[in-house]
Amino acid sequence: MRAATITGDDAWLAGVERSVTWLLGDNDARVPLLDERTGGCSDGLTSDGRSRNQGARSTVAMIAVLQQGHRMAASRPRAPGDRNDSTPGKAAST
């Protein structure tokens, strides 16, 4: 978000949203890299789905991306009465 603020280029925000959705399953394998059981992030995709390896760098990078996505969602104006969680990549709650 800082890069978008400094440069005035909203493409940075689109990149964050694209990264969030990719980590949560909008990728070639259609599999989330976030492992909800462990809280870790797989290191990548294989022909069989996500890698079983969950390195610290991947997990820390995922946390940083998800935090930025959360900040973006929190800073968006909401319509009156809108109670849905608008985190990018997350389905709206009902």
PDB file of N, CA and C in Angstrom:
ATOM      1  N   MET A   1       0.813  -1.172   0.000  1.00  0.00           N
ATOM      2  CA  MET A   1       0.000   0.000   0.000  1.00  0.00           C
ATOM      3  C   MET A   1       0.865   1.247   0.000  1.00  0.00           C
ATOM      4  N   ARG A   2       2.002   1.178   0.626  1.00  0.00           N
ATOM      5  CA  ARG A   2       2.887   2.335   0.671  1.00  0.00           C
ATOM      6  C   ARG A   2       3.355   2.700  -0.734  1.00  0.00           C
ATOM      7  N   ALA A   3       3.679   1.689  -1.546  1.00  0.00           N
ATOM      8  CA  ALA A   3       4.134   1.967  -2.908  1.00  0.00           C
ATOM      9  C   ALA A   3       3.045   2.678  -3.702  1.00  0.00           C
ATOM     10  N   ALA A   4       1.805   2.272  -3.536  1.00  0.00           N
ATOM     11  CA  ALA A   4       0.690   2.925  -4.233  1.00  0.00           C
ATOM     12  C   ALA A   4       0.537   4.369  -3.761  1.00  0.00           C
ATOM     13  N   THR A   5       0.711   4.597  -2.477  1.00  0.00           N
ATOM     14  CA  THR A   5       0.595   5.946  -1.938  1.00  0.00           C
ATOM     15  C   THR A   5       1.706   6.841  -2.469  1.00  0.00           C
ATOM     16  N   ILE A   6       2.925   6.323  -2.476  1.00  0.00           N
ATOM     17  CA  ILE A   6       4.074   7.125  -2.911  1.00  0.00           C
ATOM     18  C   ILE A   6       4.027   7.396  -4.405  1.00  0.00           C
ATOM     19  N   THR A   7       3.714   6.368  -5.188  1.00  0.00           N
ATOM     20  CA  THR A   7       3.748   6.528  -6.649  1.00  0.00           C
ATOM     21  C   THR A   7       2.433   7.016  -7.237  1.00  0.00           C
ATOM     22  N   GLY A   8       1.339   6.845  -6.494  1.00  0.00           N
ATOM     23  CA  GLY A   8       0.032   7.183  -7.042  1.00  0.00           C
ATOM     24  C   GLY A   8      -0.468   6.151  -8.036  1.00  0.00           C
ATOM     25  N   ASP A   9       0.213   5.015  -8.109  1.00  0.00           N
ATOM     26  CA  ASP A   9      -0.129   3.962  -9.070  1.00  0.00           C
ATOM     27  C   ASP A   9      -0.896   2.843  -8.359  1.00  0.00           C
ATOM     28  N   ASP A  10      -2.190   2.731  -8.666  1.00  0.00           N
ATOM     29  CA  ASP A  10      -3.025   1.713  -8.027  1.00  0.00           C
ATOM     30  C   ASP A  10      -2.707   0.290  -8.479  1.00  0.00           C
ATOM     31  N   ALA A  11      -1.835   0.133  -9.467  1.00  0.00           N
ATOM     32  CA  ALA A  11      -1.440  -1.217  -9.891  1.00  0.00           C
ATOM     33  C   ALA A  11      -0.813  -1.980  -8.726  1.00  0.00           C
ATOM     34  N   TRP A  12      -0.181  -1.267  -7.806  1.00  0.00           N
ATOM     35  CA  TRP A  12       0.393  -1.922  -6.631  1.00  0.00           C
ATOM     36  C   TRP A  12      -0.699  -2.591  -5.799  1.00  0.00           C
ATOM     37  N   LEU A  13      -1.838  -1.937  -5.684  1.00  0.00           N
ATOM     38  CA  LEU A  13      -2.954  -2.500  -4.909  1.00  0.00           C
ATOM     39  C   LEU A  13      -3.517  -3.733  -5.605  1.00  0.00           C
ATOM     40  N   ALA A  14      -3.606  -3.677  -6.917  1.00  0.00           N
ATOM     41  CA  ALA A  14      -4.084  -4.836  -7.678  1.00  0.00           C
ATOM     42  C   ALA A  14      -3.135  -6.019  -7.493  1.00  0.00           C
ATOM     43  N   GLY A  15      -1.847  -5.738  -7.409  1.00  0.00           N
ATOM     44  CA  GLY A  15      -0.863  -6.799  -7.188  1.00  0.00           C
ATOM     45  C   GLY A  15      -1.030  -7.469  -5.843  1.00  0.00           C
ATOM     46  N   VAL A  16      -1.343  -6.683  -4.821  1.00  0.00           N
ATOM     47  CA  VAL A  16      -1.588  -7.258  -3.490  1.00  0.00           C
ATOM     48  C   VAL A  16      -2.819  -8.148  -3.541  1.00  0.00           C
ATOM     49  N   GLU A  17      -3.892  -7.648  -4.139  1.00  0.00           N
ATOM     50  CA  GLU A  17      -5.121  -8.441  -4.201  1.00  0.00           C
ATOM     51  C   GLU A  17      -4.900  -9.728  -5.005  1.00  0.00           C
ATOM     52  N   ARG A  18      -4.182  -9.624  -6.104  1.00  0.00           N
ATOM     53  CA  ARG A  18      -3.892 -10.812  -6.917  1.00  0.00           C
ATOM     54  C   ARG A  18      -3.070 -11.822  -6.117  1.00  0.00           C
ATOM     55  N   SER A  19      -2.125 -11.337  -5.322  1.00  0.00           N
ATOM     56  CA  SER A  19      -1.292 -12.224  -4.501  1.00  0.00           C
ATOM     57  C   SER A  19      -2.117 -12.923  -3.430  1.00  0.00           C
ATOM     58  N   VAL A  20      -3.013 -12.183  -2.790  1.00  0.00           N
ATOM     59  CA  VAL A  20      -3.874 -12.770  -1.755  1.00  0.00           C
ATOM     60  C   VAL A  20      -4.716 -13.883  -2.362  1.00  0.00           C
ATOM     61  N   THR A  21      -5.385 -13.585  -3.470  1.00  0.00           N
ATOM     62  CA  THR A  21      -6.268 -14.595  -4.059  1.00  0.00           C
ATOM     63  C   THR A  21      -5.477 -15.793  -4.565  1.00  0.00           C
ATOM     64  N   TRP A  22      -4.258 -15.568  -5.067  1.00  0.00           N
ATOM     65  CA  TRP A  22      -3.418 -16.677  -5.540  1.00  0.00           C
ATOM     66  C   TRP A  22      -3.066 -17.597  -4.376  1.00  0.00           C
ATOM     67  N   LEU A  23      -2.667 -17.013  -3.257  1.00  0.00           N
ATOM     68  CA  LEU A  23      -2.329 -17.824  -2.083  1.00  0.00           C
ATOM     69  C   LEU A  23      -3.530 -18.600  -1.553  1.00  0.00           C
ATOM     70  N   LEU A  24      -4.723 -18.019  -1.706  1.00  0.00           N
ATOM     71  CA  LEU A  24      -5.927 -18.652  -1.171  1.00  0.00           C
ATOM     72  C   LEU A  24      -6.609 -19.584  -2.165  1.00  0.00           C
ATOM     73  N   GLY A  25      -5.981 -19.818  -3.319  1.00  0.00           N
ATOM     74  CA  GLY A  25      -6.497 -20.844  -4.225  1.00  0.00           C
ATOM     75  C   GLY A  25      -6.798 -20.417  -5.642  1.00  0.00           C
ATOM     76  N   ASP A  26      -6.699 -19.146  -5.966  1.00  0.00           N
ATOM     77  CA  ASP A  26      -6.925 -18.707  -7.344  1.00  0.00           C
ATOM     78  C   ASP A  26      -5.602 -18.784  -8.094  1.00  0.00           C
ATOM     79  N   ASN A  27      -5.128 -20.017  -8.273  1.00  0.00           N
ATOM     80  CA  ASN A  27      -3.861 -20.279  -8.942  1.00  0.00           C
ATOM     81  C   ASN A  27      -4.071 -21.405  -9.954  1.00  0.00           C
ATOM     82  N   ASP A  28      -3.033 -21.795 -10.665  1.00  0.00           N
ATOM     83  CA  ASP A  28      -3.168 -22.821 -11.710  1.00  0.00           C
ATOM     84  C   ASP A  28      -3.727 -24.136 -11.194  1.00  0.00           C
ATOM     85  N   ALA A  29      -3.367 -24.519  -9.976  1.00  0.00           N
ATOM     86  CA  ALA A  29      -3.818 -25.795  -9.415  1.00  0.00           C
ATOM     87  C   ALA A  29      -5.162 -25.673  -8.700  1.00  0.00           C
ATOM     88  N   ARG A  30      -5.632 -24.450  -8.520  1.00  0.00           N
ATOM     89  CA  ARG A  30      -6.887 -24.205  -7.785  1.00  0.00           C
ATOM     90  C   ARG A  30      -6.834 -24.791  -6.374  1.00  0.00           C
ATOM     91  N   VAL A  31      -5.671 -24.629  -5.729  1.00  0.00           N
ATOM     92  CA  VAL A  31      -5.449 -25.150  -4.386  1.00  0.00           C
ATOM     93  C   VAL A  31      -4.848 -24.033  -3.526  1.00  0.00           C
ATOM     94  N   PRO A  32      -5.383 -23.827  -2.343  1.00  0.00           N
ATOM     95  CA  PRO A  32      -4.771 -22.819  -1.473  1.00  0.00           C
ATOM     96  C   PRO A  32      -3.389 -23.264  -1.010  1.00  0.00           C
ATOM     97  N   LEU A  33      -2.459 -22.324  -0.981  1.00  0.00           N
ATOM     98  CA  LEU A  33      -1.145 -22.628  -0.433  1.00  0.00           C
ATOM     99  C   LEU A  33      -1.151 -22.508   1.084  1.00  0.00           C
ATOM    100  N   LEU A  34      -2.122 -21.799   1.620  1.00  0.00           N
ATOM    101  CA  LEU A  34      -2.305 -21.708   3.067  1.00  0.00           C
ATOM    102  C   LEU A  34      -2.806 -23.052   3.577  1.00  0.00           C
ATOM    103  N   ASP A  35      -2.091 -23.610   4.535  1.00  0.00           N
ATOM    104  CA  ASP A  35      -2.515 -24.854   5.177  1.00  0.00           C
ATOM    105  C   ASP A  35      -3.217 -24.458   6.474  1.00  0.00           C
ATOM    106  N   GLU A  36      -4.535 -24.529   6.475  1.00  0.00           N
ATOM    107  CA  GLU A  36      -5.287 -24.069   7.641  1.00  0.00           C
ATOM    108  C   GLU A  36      -5.027 -24.918   8.877  1.00  0.00           C
ATOM    109  N   ARG A  37      -4.595 -26.149   8.686  1.00  0.00           N
ATOM    110  CA  ARG A  37      -4.314 -27.017   9.833  1.00  0.00           C
ATOM    111  C   ARG A  37      -3.058 -26.558  10.562  1.00  0.00           C
ATOM    112  N   THR A  38      -2.002 -26.212   9.807  1.00  0.00           N
ATOM    113  CA  THR A  38      -0.730 -25.836  10.423  1.00  0.00           C
ATOM    114  C   THR A  38      -0.525 -24.328  10.492  1.00  0.00           C
ATOM    115  N   GLY A  39      -1.258 -23.577   9.662  1.00  0.00           N
ATOM    116  CA  GLY A  39      -1.037 -22.134   9.579  1.00  0.00           C
ATOM    117  C   GLY A  39       0.136 -21.781   8.690  1.00  0.00           C
ATOM    118  N   GLY A  40       0.779 -22.787   8.113  1.00  0.00           N
ATOM    119  CA  GLY A  40       1.925 -22.564   7.249  1.00  0.00           C
ATOM    120  C   GLY A  40       1.516 -22.331   5.806  1.00  0.00           C
ATOM    121  N   CYS A  41       2.508 -22.035   4.997  1.00  0.00           N
ATOM    122  CA  CYS A  41       2.286 -21.798   3.579  1.00  0.00           C
ATOM    123  C   CYS A  41       3.205 -22.728   2.793  1.00  0.00           C
ATOM    124  N   SER A  42       2.622 -23.454   1.863  1.00  0.00           N
ATOM    125  CA  SER A  42       3.425 -24.337   1.024  1.00  0.00           C
ATOM    126  C   SER A  42       4.397 -23.516   0.188  1.00  0.00           C
ATOM    127  N   ASP A  43       5.539 -24.107  -0.114  1.00  0.00           N
ATOM    128  CA  ASP A  43       6.577 -23.408  -0.869  1.00  0.00           C
ATOM    129  C   ASP A  43       6.242 -23.231  -2.343  1.00  0.00           C
ATOM    130  N   GLY A  44       5.274 -23.963  -2.845  1.00  0.00           N
ATOM    131  CA  GLY A  44       4.944 -23.809  -4.259  1.00  0.00           C
ATOM    132  C   GLY A  44       3.944 -24.846  -4.711  1.00  0.00           C
ATOM    133  N   LEU A  45       3.705 -24.854  -6.017  1.00  0.00           N
ATOM    134  CA  LEU A  45       2.775 -25.795  -6.629  1.00  0.00           C
ATOM    135  C   LEU A  45       3.544 -26.867  -7.374  1.00  0.00           C
ATOM    136  N   THR A  46       3.014 -28.072  -7.357  1.00  0.00           N
ATOM    137  CA  THR A  46       3.582 -29.172  -8.134  1.00  0.00           C
ATOM    138  C   THR A  46       2.488 -29.692  -9.062  1.00  0.00           C
ATOM    139  N   SER A  47       2.810 -30.665  -9.875  1.00  0.00           N
ATOM    140  CA  SER A  47       1.799 -31.235 -10.770  1.00  0.00           C
ATOM    141  C   SER A  47       0.700 -31.949  -9.980  1.00  0.00           C
ATOM    142  N   ASP A  48       0.985 -32.295  -8.719  1.00  0.00           N
ATOM    143  CA  ASP A  48       0.006 -32.973  -7.866  1.00  0.00           C
ATOM    144  C   ASP A  48      -0.736 -32.022  -6.933  1.00  0.00           C
ATOM    145  N   GLY A  49      -0.477 -30.746  -7.000  1.00  0.00           N
ATOM    146  CA  GLY A  49      -1.109 -29.782  -6.098  1.00  0.00           C
ATOM    147  C   GLY A  49      -0.049 -28.966  -5.384  1.00  0.00           C
ATOM    148  N   ARG A  50      -0.282 -28.656  -4.116  1.00  0.00           N
ATOM    149  CA  ARG A  50       0.686 -27.848  -3.391  1.00  0.00           C
ATOM    150  C   ARG A  50       1.821 -28.706  -2.847  1.00  0.00           C
ATOM    151  N   SER A  51       2.975 -28.101  -2.755  1.00  0.00           N
ATOM    152  CA  SER A  51       4.148 -28.750  -2.183  1.00  0.00           C
ATOM    153  C   SER A  51       3.895 -29.052  -0.715  1.00  0.00           C
ATOM    154  N   ARG A  52       4.433 -30.142  -0.239  1.00  0.00           N
ATOM    155  CA  ARG A  52       4.272 -30.476   1.183  1.00  0.00           C
ATOM    156  C   ARG A  52       5.221 -29.679   2.061  1.00  0.00           C
ATOM    157  N   ASN A  53       6.252 -29.101   1.460  1.00  0.00           N
ATOM    158  CA  ASN A  53       7.218 -28.321   2.221  1.00  0.00           C
ATOM    159  C   ASN A  53       6.616 -26.965   2.593  1.00  0.00           C
ATOM    160  N   GLN A  54       6.789 -26.568   3.842  1.00  0.00           N
ATOM    161  CA  GLN A  54       6.295 -25.277   4.318  1.00  0.00           C
ATOM    162  C   GLN A  54       7.444 -24.549   5.014  1.00  0.00           C
ATOM    163  N   GLY A  55       8.239 -23.863   4.209  1.00  0.00           N
ATOM    164  CA  GLY A  55       9.387 -23.157   4.753  1.00  0.00           C
ATOM    165  C   GLY A  55       9.004 -21.863   5.451  1.00  0.00           C
ATOM    166  N   ALA A  56       9.895 -21.402   6.300  1.00  0.00           N
ATOM    167  CA  ALA A  56       9.646 -20.166   7.046  1.00  0.00           C
ATOM    168  C   ALA A  56       9.500 -18.974   6.116  1.00  0.00           C
ATOM    169  N   ARG A  57      10.324 -18.892   5.071  1.00  0.00           N
ATOM    170  CA  ARG A  57      10.230 -17.739   4.164  1.00  0.00           C
ATOM    171  C   ARG A  57       8.870 -17.674   3.487  1.00  0.00           C
ATOM    172  N   SER A  58       8.356 -18.829   3.059  1.00  0.00           N
ATOM    173  CA  SER A  58       7.043 -18.850   2.406  1.00  0.00           C
ATOM    174  C   SER A  58       5.949 -18.440   3.382  1.00  0.00           C
ATOM    175  N   THR A  59       6.031 -18.937   4.599  1.00  0.00           N
ATOM    176  CA  THR A  59       5.010 -18.626   5.593  1.00  0.00           C
ATOM    177  C   THR A  59       5.049 -17.151   5.978  1.00  0.00           C
ATOM    178  N   VAL A  60       6.240 -16.599   6.185  1.00  0.00           N
ATOM    179  CA  VAL A  60       6.356 -15.181   6.534  1.00  0.00           C
ATOM    180  C   VAL A  60       5.885 -14.310   5.373  1.00  0.00           C
ATOM    181  N   ALA A  61       6.222 -14.684   4.139  1.00  0.00           N
ATOM    182  CA  ALA A  61       5.765 -13.924   2.970  1.00  0.00           C
ATOM    183  C   ALA A  61       4.245 -13.960   2.873  1.00  0.00           C
ATOM    184  N   MET A  62       3.653 -15.136   3.123  1.00  0.00           N
ATOM    185  CA  MET A  62       2.197 -15.250   3.076  1.00  0.00           C
ATOM    186  C   MET A  62       1.561 -14.357   4.145  1.00  0.00           C
ATOM    187  N   ILE A  63       2.106 -14.373   5.347  1.00  0.00           N
ATOM    188  CA  ILE A  63       1.566 -13.541   6.425  1.00  0.00           C
ATOM    189  C   ILE A  63       1.617 -12.069   6.026  1.00  0.00           C
ATOM    190  N   ALA A  64       2.732 -11.633   5.456  1.00  0.00           N
ATOM    191  CA  ALA A  64       2.862 -10.233   5.037  1.00  0.00           C
ATOM    192  C   ALA A  64       1.831  -9.872   3.972  1.00  0.00           C
ATOM    193  N   VAL A  65       1.637 -10.756   3.000  1.00  0.00           N
ATOM    194  CA  VAL A  65       0.661 -10.499   1.929  1.00  0.00           C
ATOM    195  C   VAL A  65      -0.751 -10.455   2.499  1.00  0.00           C
ATOM    196  N   LEU A  66      -1.094 -11.402   3.366  1.00  0.00           N
ATOM    197  CA  LEU A  66      -2.434 -11.418   3.942  1.00  0.00           C
ATOM    198  C   LEU A  66      -2.675 -10.196   4.835  1.00  0.00           C
ATOM    199  N   GLN A  67      -1.646  -9.734   5.541  1.00  0.00           N
ATOM    200  CA  GLN A  67      -1.798  -8.522   6.351  1.00  0.00           C
ATOM    201  C   GLN A  67      -2.076  -7.316   5.464  1.00  0.00           C
ATOM    202  N   GLN A  68      -1.344  -7.206   4.351  1.00  0.00           N
ATOM    203  CA  GLN A  68      -1.577  -6.095   3.428  1.00  0.00           C
ATOM    204  C   GLN A  68      -2.984  -6.166   2.841  1.00  0.00           C
ATOM    205  N   GLY A  69      -3.424  -7.377   2.493  1.00  0.00           N
ATOM    206  CA  GLY A  69      -4.778  -7.542   1.971  1.00  0.00           C
ATOM    207  C   GLY A  69      -5.814  -7.135   2.993  1.00  0.00           C
ATOM    208  N   HIS A  70      -5.576  -7.478   4.244  1.00  0.00           N
ATOM    209  CA  HIS A  70      -6.502  -7.101   5.315  1.00  0.00           C
ATOM    210  C   HIS A  70      -6.539  -5.580   5.479  1.00  0.00           C
ATOM    211  N   ARG A  71      -5.374  -4.949   5.441  1.00  0.00           N
ATOM    212  CA  ARG A  71      -5.314  -3.486   5.554  1.00  0.00           C
ATOM    213  C   ARG A  71      -6.049  -2.820   4.392  1.00  0.00           C
ATOM    214  N   MET A  72      -5.861  -3.359   3.189  1.00  0.00           N
ATOM    215  CA  MET A  72      -6.562  -2.802   2.025  1.00  0.00           C
ATOM    216  C   MET A  72      -8.066  -2.897   2.215  1.00  0.00           C
ATOM    217  N   ALA A  73      -8.525  -4.068   2.640  1.00  0.00           N
ATOM    218  CA  ALA A  73      -9.959  -4.278   2.826  1.00  0.00           C
ATOM    219  C   ALA A  73     -10.508  -3.342   3.900  1.00  0.00           C
ATOM    220  N   ALA A  74      -9.744  -3.143   4.964  1.00  0.00           N
ATOM    221  CA  ALA A  74     -10.202  -2.291   6.058  1.00  0.00           C
ATOM    222  C   ALA A  74     -10.253  -0.824   5.646  1.00  0.00           C
ATOM    223  N   SER A  75      -9.433  -0.429   4.678  1.00  0.00           N
ATOM    224  CA  SER A  75      -9.394   0.980   4.281  1.00  0.00           C
ATOM    225  C   SER A  75     -10.402   1.313   3.193  1.00  0.00           C
ATOM    226  N   ARG A  76     -11.062   0.305   2.628  1.00  0.00           N
ATOM    227  CA  ARG A  76     -12.058   0.562   1.589  1.00  0.00           C
ATOM    228  C   ARG A  76     -13.336   1.098   2.212  1.00  0.00           C
ATOM    229  N   PRO A  77     -13.944   2.095   1.557  1.00  0.00           N
ATOM    230  CA  PRO A  77     -15.233   2.577   2.058  1.00  0.00           C
ATOM    231  C   PRO A  77     -16.282   1.483   1.923  1.00  0.00           C
ATOM    232  N   ARG A  78     -17.145   1.388   2.897  1.00  0.00           N
ATOM    233  CA  ARG A  78     -18.208   0.377   2.876  1.00  0.00           C
ATOM    234  C   ARG A  78     -19.561   1.066   2.757  1.00  0.00           C
ATOM    235  N   ALA A  79     -20.459   0.372   2.121  1.00  0.00           N
ATOM    236  CA  ALA A  79     -21.824   0.866   2.000  1.00  0.00           C
ATOM    237  C   ALA A  79     -22.501   0.772   3.365  1.00  0.00           C
ATOM    238  N   PRO A  80     -23.429   1.674   3.651  1.00  0.00           N
ATOM    239  CA  PRO A  80     -24.146   1.593   4.934  1.00  0.00           C
ATOM    240  C   PRO A  80     -24.798   0.221   5.111  1.00  0.00           C
ATOM    241  N   GLY A  81     -24.602  -0.369   6.266  1.00  0.00           N
ATOM    242  CA  GLY A  81     -25.193  -1.676   6.562  1.00  0.00           C
ATOM    243  C   GLY A  81     -24.382  -2.851   6.056  1.00  0.00           C
ATOM    244  N   ASP A  82     -23.252  -2.601   5.365  1.00  0.00           N
ATOM    245  CA  ASP A  82     -22.420  -3.696   4.854  1.00  0.00           C
ATOM    246  C   ASP A  82     -21.608  -4.257   5.996  1.00  0.00           C
ATOM    247  N   ARG A  83     -21.887  -5.516   6.362  1.00  0.00           N
ATOM    248  CA  ARG A  83     -21.178  -6.159   7.470  1.00  0.00           C
ATOM    249  C   ARG A  83     -20.258  -7.261   6.990  1.00  0.00           C
ATOM    250  N   ASN A  84     -20.209  -7.495   5.698  1.00  0.00           N
ATOM    251  CA  ASN A  84     -19.412  -8.599   5.159  1.00  0.00           C
ATOM    252  C   ASN A  84     -17.921  -8.333   5.319  1.00  0.00           C
ATOM    253  N   ASP A  85     -17.178  -9.385   5.584  1.00  0.00           N
ATOM    254  CA  ASP A  85     -15.722  -9.307   5.607  1.00  0.00           C
ATOM    255  C   ASP A  85     -15.276  -9.159   4.168  1.00  0.00           C
ATOM    256  N   SER A  86     -14.607  -8.070   3.842  1.00  0.00           N
ATOM    257  CA  SER A  86     -14.230  -7.825   2.457  1.00  0.00           C
ATOM    258  C   SER A  86     -12.758  -8.069   2.195  1.00  0.00           C
ATOM    259  N   THR A  87     -12.137  -8.955   2.979  1.00  0.00           N
ATOM    260  CA  THR A  87     -10.759  -9.302   2.734  1.00  0.00           C
ATOM    261  C   THR A  87     -10.636  -9.884   1.341  1.00  0.00           C
ATOM    262  N   PRO A  88      -9.673  -9.376   0.526  1.00  0.00           N
ATOM    263  CA  PRO A  88      -9.540  -9.918  -0.826  1.00  0.00           C
ATOM    264  C   PRO A  88      -9.351 -11.431  -0.794  1.00  0.00           C
ATOM    265  N   GLY A  89     -10.084 -12.106  -1.645  1.00  0.00           N
ATOM    266  CA  GLY A  89      -9.947 -13.547  -1.745  1.00  0.00           C
ATOM    267  C   GLY A  89     -10.809 -14.316  -0.778  1.00  0.00           C
ATOM    268  N   LYS A  90     -11.403 -13.642   0.167  1.00  0.00           N
ATOM    269  CA  LYS A  90     -12.219 -14.322   1.161  1.00  0.00           C
ATOM    270  C   LYS A  90     -13.698 -14.172   0.787  1.00  0.00           C
ATOM    271  N   ALA A  91     -14.413 -15.249   0.856  1.00  0.00           N
ATOM    272  CA  ALA A  91     -15.832 -15.202   0.528  1.00  0.00           C
ATOM    273  C   ALA A  91     -16.566 -14.367   1.571  1.00  0.00           C
ATOM    274  N   ALA A  92     -17.543 -13.643   1.109  1.00  0.00           N
ATOM    275  CA  ALA A  92     -18.337 -12.810   2.021  1.00  0.00           C
ATOM    276  C   ALA A  92     -19.133 -13.699   2.965  1.00  0.00           C
ATOM    277  N   SER A  93     -19.219 -13.280   4.207  1.00  0.00           N
ATOM    278  CA  SER A  93     -19.994 -14.050   5.179  1.00  0.00           C
ATOM    279  C   SER A  93     -21.472 -13.707   5.037  1.00  0.00           C
ATOM    280  N   THR A  94     -22.315 -14.653   5.396  1.00  0.00           N
ATOM    281  CA  THR A  94     -23.761 -14.404   5.292  1.00  0.00           C
ATOM    282  C   THR A  94     -24.409 -14.494   6.641  1.00  0.00           C
TER     283      THR A  94
END
